Amino acid sequence: MHTESGGKLPICNNCTHYFITHEAHFRYGCRALDFKSQRQPILDVIEASGQPCHYFQKKGAGSK
């Protein structure tokens, strides 16, 4: 799947809002949308809205 601009979908690992939780059943989280998931948040966003995430912000050079 591609975005409207012809690029690839944003990868959560490269987003400033993405985080890993300590919960075994909900390992992945998104601060922008304030939720945790069993899979990469982008998959839940696409399933729910049919669109790629509009909150994606690429991590800066100093980010982990």
C-alpha atoms as a PDB file:
ATOM      1  CA  MET A   1       0.000   0.000   0.000  1.00  0.00           C
ATOM      2  CA  HIS A   2       1.212   3.506  -0.802  1.00  0.00           C
ATOM      3  CA  THR A   3       0.314   7.006   0.309  1.00  0.00           C
ATOM      4  CA  GLU A   4      -1.394   9.483  -2.005  1.00  0.00           C
ATOM      5  CA  SER A   5       1.944  11.153  -2.717  1.00  0.00           C
ATOM      6  CA  GLY A   6       3.190   7.881  -4.216  1.00  0.00           C
ATOM      7  CA  GLY A   7       5.581   7.138  -1.345  1.00  0.00           C
ATOM      8  CA  LYS A   8       5.548   4.196   0.989  1.00  0.00           C
ATOM      9  CA  LEU A   9       3.522   4.060   4.178  1.00  0.00           C
ATOM     10  CA  PRO A  10       5.098   5.653   7.237  1.00  0.00           C
ATOM     11  CA  ILE A  11       6.877   3.149   9.467  1.00  0.00           C
ATOM     12  CA  CYS A  12       5.963   3.555  13.123  1.00  0.00           C
ATOM     13  CA  ASN A  13       9.533   2.843  14.257  1.00  0.00           C
ATOM     14  CA  ASN A  14      10.606   6.064  12.516  1.00  0.00           C
ATOM     15  CA  CYS A  15       7.927   8.247  14.164  1.00  0.00           C
ATOM     16  CA  THR A  16       8.397  10.470  17.219  1.00  0.00           C
ATOM     17  CA  HIS A  17       5.004   9.352  18.601  1.00  0.00           C
ATOM     18  CA  TYR A  18       5.813   5.621  18.557  1.00  0.00           C
ATOM     19  CA  PHE A  19       6.805   3.794  21.740  1.00  0.00           C
ATOM     20  CA  ILE A  20       7.217   0.281  23.120  1.00  0.00           C
ATOM     21  CA  THR A  21       5.183  -0.552  26.212  1.00  0.00           C
ATOM     22  CA  HIS A  22       5.905  -2.962  29.054  1.00  0.00           C
ATOM     23  CA  GLU A  23       2.559  -4.697  28.577  1.00  0.00           C
ATOM     24  CA  ALA A  24       2.800  -8.195  27.127  1.00  0.00           C
ATOM     25  CA  HIS A  25      -0.524  -8.005  25.259  1.00  0.00           C
ATOM     26  CA  PHE A  26      -0.203  -4.408  24.016  1.00  0.00           C
ATOM     27  CA  ARG A  27       3.470  -3.997  23.073  1.00  0.00           C
ATOM     28  CA  TYR A  28       3.254  -1.012  20.717  1.00  0.00           C
ATOM     29  CA  GLY A  29       1.903   2.461  21.309  1.00  0.00           C
ATOM     30  CA  CYS A  30       1.184   5.777  19.643  1.00  0.00           C
ATOM     31  CA  ARG A  31       1.301   8.952  21.726  1.00  0.00           C
ATOM     32  CA  ALA A  32      -0.355  11.076  19.022  1.00  0.00           C
ATOM     33  CA  LEU A  33      -3.467   8.893  18.914  1.00  0.00           C
ATOM     34  CA  ASP A  34      -3.165   7.820  22.567  1.00  0.00           C
ATOM     35  CA  PHE A  35      -3.538   4.071  22.175  1.00  0.00           C
ATOM     36  CA  LYS A  36      -1.650   0.785  22.564  1.00  0.00           C
ATOM     37  CA  SER A  37      -1.858  -2.190  20.247  1.00  0.00           C
ATOM     38  CA  GLN A  38      -0.792  -5.799  19.740  1.00  0.00           C
ATOM     39  CA  ARG A  39       0.668  -4.821  16.362  1.00  0.00           C
ATOM     40  CA  GLN A  40       2.231  -1.779  14.717  1.00  0.00           C
ATOM     41  CA  PRO A  41      -0.165   1.171  15.214  1.00  0.00           C
ATOM     42  CA  ILE A  42      -0.166   2.045  11.487  1.00  0.00           C
ATOM     43  CA  LEU A  43      -2.001  -1.228  10.819  1.00  0.00           C
ATOM     44  CA  ASP A  44      -4.795  -0.305  13.243  1.00  0.00           C
ATOM     45  CA  VAL A  45      -5.018   3.211  11.803  1.00  0.00           C
ATOM     46  CA  ILE A  46      -5.394   1.896   8.250  1.00  0.00           C
ATOM     47  CA  GLU A  47      -7.919  -0.720   9.323  1.00  0.00           C
ATOM     48  CA  ALA A  48     -10.051   1.846  11.157  1.00  0.00           C
ATOM     49  CA  SER A  49      -9.849   4.750   8.714  1.00  0.00           C
ATOM     50  CA  GLY A  50      -8.712   3.300   5.404  1.00  0.00           C
ATOM     51  CA  GLN A  51      -5.983   5.957   5.297  1.00  0.00           C
ATOM     52  CA  PRO A  52      -2.338   6.161   6.374  1.00  0.00           C
ATOM     53  CA  CYS A  53      -1.543   7.957   9.616  1.00  0.00           C
ATOM     54  CA  HIS A  54      -1.741  11.743   9.354  1.00  0.00           C
ATOM     55  CA  TYR A  55       0.224  12.271  12.593  1.00  0.00           C
ATOM     56  CA  PHE A  56       3.491  10.720  11.410  1.00  0.00           C
ATOM     57  CA  GLN A  57       6.507  12.871  12.337  1.00  0.00           C
ATOM     58  CA  LYS A  58       9.903  11.568  11.361  1.00  0.00           C
ATOM     59  CA  LYS A  59      12.318  11.216  14.276  1.00  0.00           C
ATOM     60  CA  GLY A  60      15.129  13.750  14.349  1.00  0.00           C
ATOM     61  CA  ALA A  61      18.823  12.856  14.220  1.00  0.00           C
ATOM     62  CA  GLY A  62      19.083  13.020  18.041  1.00  0.00           C
ATOM     63  CA  SER A  63      16.102  10.726  18.715  1.00  0.00           C
ATOM     64  CA  LYS A  64      16.393   7.089  19.786  1.00  0.00           C
END
